[in-house]
Amino acid sequence: MAKKTSTIHLRVEPNIKADVEKLLDRLGLTTTDAINIFLNQIVLTGGLPFPVKIPQPNKETLTAIKEAEKIKRGIIQSKAKSVDEFFREMEV
């Protein structure tokens, strides 16, 4: 006798769906397989099988944010004279 199943409908961005399907295909899995693995892990671990938290910027990023806020408030002047110069300095 076949196992009884339920259907879950979800919406995802088309590019994410395509990327996931390519990756899962390389692993020999379908999207349904991956979702079932995920749901089973939630049951086994009693929650999400990975930490969910707001990303925290590192020290360098925090320093850059503070500097940008000071520039915006007119407390200090920007070191770059133009946007082009800024991107050259950033090596972008």
C-alpha atoms as a PDB file:
ATOM      1  CA  MET A   1       0.000   0.000   0.000  1.00  0.00           C
ATOM      2  CA  ALA A   2       1.386   3.400  -0.996  1.00  0.00           C
ATOM      3  CA  LYS A   3       2.119   6.033   1.638  1.00  0.00           C
ATOM      4  CA  LYS A   4      -0.453   8.786   1.859  1.00  0.00           C
ATOM      5  CA  THR A   5       1.044  12.216   1.139  1.00  0.00           C
ATOM      6  CA  SER A   6      -0.007  15.858   1.437  1.00  0.00           C
ATOM      7  CA  THR A   7       0.640  18.617  -1.060  1.00  0.00           C
ATOM      8  CA  ILE A   8       2.423  21.862  -0.214  1.00  0.00           C
ATOM      9  CA  HIS A   9       2.237  24.790  -2.635  1.00  0.00           C
ATOM     10  CA  LEU A  10       4.892  27.481  -2.373  1.00  0.00           C
ATOM     11  CA  ARG A  11       6.040  30.465  -4.371  1.00  0.00           C
ATOM     12  CA  VAL A  12       9.687  31.122  -5.140  1.00  0.00           C
ATOM     13  CA  GLU A  13      11.523  33.403  -7.511  1.00  0.00           C
ATOM     14  CA  PRO A  14      12.022  31.674 -10.878  1.00  0.00           C
ATOM     15  CA  ASN A  15      15.808  32.169 -10.867  1.00  0.00           C
ATOM     16  CA  ILE A  16      16.106  30.633  -7.376  1.00  0.00           C
ATOM     17  CA  LYS A  17      13.980  27.659  -8.463  1.00  0.00           C
ATOM     18  CA  ALA A  18      16.146  27.096 -11.541  1.00  0.00           C
ATOM     19  CA  ASP A  19      19.401  27.362  -9.548  1.00  0.00           C
ATOM     20  CA  VAL A  20      18.097  24.969  -6.888  1.00  0.00           C
ATOM     21  CA  GLU A  21      16.925  22.432  -9.464  1.00  0.00           C
ATOM     22  CA  LYS A  22      20.332  22.462 -11.207  1.00  0.00           C
ATOM     23  CA  LEU A  23      22.174  21.982  -7.935  1.00  0.00           C
ATOM     24  CA  LEU A  24      19.830  19.273  -6.666  1.00  0.00           C
ATOM     25  CA  ASP A  25      20.036  17.448  -9.996  1.00  0.00           C
ATOM     26  CA  ARG A  26      23.808  17.230  -9.542  1.00  0.00           C
ATOM     27  CA  LEU A  27      23.116  15.677  -6.130  1.00  0.00           C
ATOM     28  CA  GLY A  28      20.620  13.231  -7.623  1.00  0.00           C
ATOM     29  CA  LEU A  29      17.711  14.826  -5.768  1.00  0.00           C
ATOM     30  CA  THR A  30      14.444  16.445  -6.771  1.00  0.00           C
ATOM     31  CA  THR A  31      13.049  19.571  -5.165  1.00  0.00           C
ATOM     32  CA  THR A  32      10.463  17.347  -3.467  1.00  0.00           C
ATOM     33  CA  ASP A  33      13.268  15.151  -2.077  1.00  0.00           C
ATOM     34  CA  ALA A  34      15.065  18.215  -0.697  1.00  0.00           C
ATOM     35  CA  ILE A  35      11.920  19.648   0.888  1.00  0.00           C
ATOM     36  CA  ASN A  36      11.141  16.264   2.485  1.00  0.00           C
ATOM     37  CA  ILE A  37      14.693  16.091   3.881  1.00  0.00           C
ATOM     38  CA  PHE A  38      14.286  19.618   5.250  1.00  0.00           C
ATOM     39  CA  LEU A  39      10.907  18.873   6.862  1.00  0.00           C
ATOM     40  CA  ASN A  40      12.205  15.628   8.393  1.00  0.00           C
ATOM     41  CA  GLN A  41      15.177  17.507   9.853  1.00  0.00           C
ATOM     42  CA  ILE A  42      12.792  20.006  11.459  1.00  0.00           C
ATOM     43  CA  VAL A  43      10.988  17.103  13.128  1.00  0.00           C
ATOM     44  CA  LEU A  44      14.241  15.376  14.170  1.00  0.00           C
ATOM     45  CA  THR A  45      15.903  18.506  15.587  1.00  0.00           C
ATOM     46  CA  GLY A  46      12.792  20.095  17.053  1.00  0.00           C
ATOM     47  CA  GLY A  47      13.303  23.270  15.036  1.00  0.00           C
ATOM     48  CA  LEU A  48      15.052  24.605  11.999  1.00  0.00           C
ATOM     49  CA  PRO A  49      18.204  22.588  11.292  1.00  0.00           C
ATOM     50  CA  PHE A  50      20.322  25.743  11.080  1.00  0.00           C
ATOM     51  CA  PRO A  51      20.539  29.014  13.015  1.00  0.00           C
ATOM     52  CA  VAL A  52      18.260  31.800  11.820  1.00  0.00           C
ATOM     53  CA  LYS A  53      19.537  35.202  12.820  1.00  0.00           C
ATOM     54  CA  ILE A  54      19.997  38.689  11.526  1.00  0.00           C
ATOM     55  CA  PRO A  55      23.450  38.972   9.919  1.00  0.00           C
ATOM     56  CA  GLN A  56      25.833  41.132  11.927  1.00  0.00           C
ATOM     57  CA  PRO A  57      28.337  43.304  10.074  1.00  0.00           C
ATOM     58  CA  ASN A  58      32.007  42.713  10.849  1.00  0.00           C
ATOM     59  CA  LYS A  59      34.235  45.343  12.493  1.00  0.00           C
ATOM     60  CA  GLU A  60      35.458  46.779   9.159  1.00  0.00           C
ATOM     61  CA  THR A  61      31.900  47.192   7.877  1.00  0.00           C
ATOM     62  CA  LEU A  62      30.771  48.826  11.141  1.00  0.00           C
ATOM     63  CA  THR A  63      33.651  51.309  10.865  1.00  0.00           C
ATOM     64  CA  ALA A  64      32.658  52.114   7.263  1.00  0.00           C
ATOM     65  CA  ILE A  65      29.003  52.588   8.269  1.00  0.00           C
ATOM     66  CA  LYS A  66      29.981  54.980  11.066  1.00  0.00           C
ATOM     67  CA  GLU A  67      32.220  56.928   8.687  1.00  0.00           C
ATOM     68  CA  ALA A  68      29.424  57.156   6.092  1.00  0.00           C
ATOM     69  CA  GLU A  69      27.019  58.443   8.755  1.00  0.00           C
ATOM     70  CA  LYS A  70      29.546  61.125   9.780  1.00  0.00           C
ATOM     71  CA  ILE A  71      30.001  62.155   6.128  1.00  0.00           C
ATOM     72  CA  LYS A  72      26.220  62.324   5.686  1.00  0.00           C
ATOM     73  CA  ARG A  73      25.846  64.560   8.767  1.00  0.00           C
ATOM     74  CA  GLY A  74      28.706  66.802   7.618  1.00  0.00           C
ATOM     75  CA  ILE A  75      30.895  65.923  10.601  1.00  0.00           C
ATOM     76  CA  ILE A  76      33.731  64.812   8.324  1.00  0.00           C
ATOM     77  CA  GLN A  77      34.427  65.161   4.613  1.00  0.00           C
ATOM     78  CA  SER A  78      34.587  62.280   2.192  1.00  0.00           C
ATOM     79  CA  LYS A  79      38.113  61.271   1.242  1.00  0.00           C
ATOM     80  CA  ALA A  80      37.047  60.632  -2.357  1.00  0.00           C
ATOM     81  CA  LYS A  81      36.555  63.639  -4.610  1.00  0.00           C
ATOM     82  CA  SER A  82      34.238  61.840  -7.045  1.00  0.00           C
ATOM     83  CA  VAL A  83      32.332  58.610  -7.481  1.00  0.00           C
ATOM     84  CA  ASP A  84      34.872  57.473 -10.090  1.00  0.00           C
ATOM     85  CA  GLU A  85      37.723  58.124  -7.663  1.00  0.00           C
ATOM     86  CA  PHE A  86      35.859  56.238  -4.948  1.00  0.00           C
ATOM     87  CA  PHE A  87      35.463  53.155  -7.150  1.00  0.00           C
ATOM     88  CA  ARG A  88      39.114  53.351  -8.249  1.00  0.00           C
ATOM     89  CA  GLU A  89      40.138  53.368  -4.586  1.00  0.00           C
ATOM     90  CA  MET A  90      37.808  50.437  -3.926  1.00  0.00           C
ATOM     91  CA  GLU A  91      39.358  48.634  -6.919  1.00  0.00           C
ATOM     92  CA  VAL A  92      35.907  47.970  -8.399  1.00  0.00           C
END
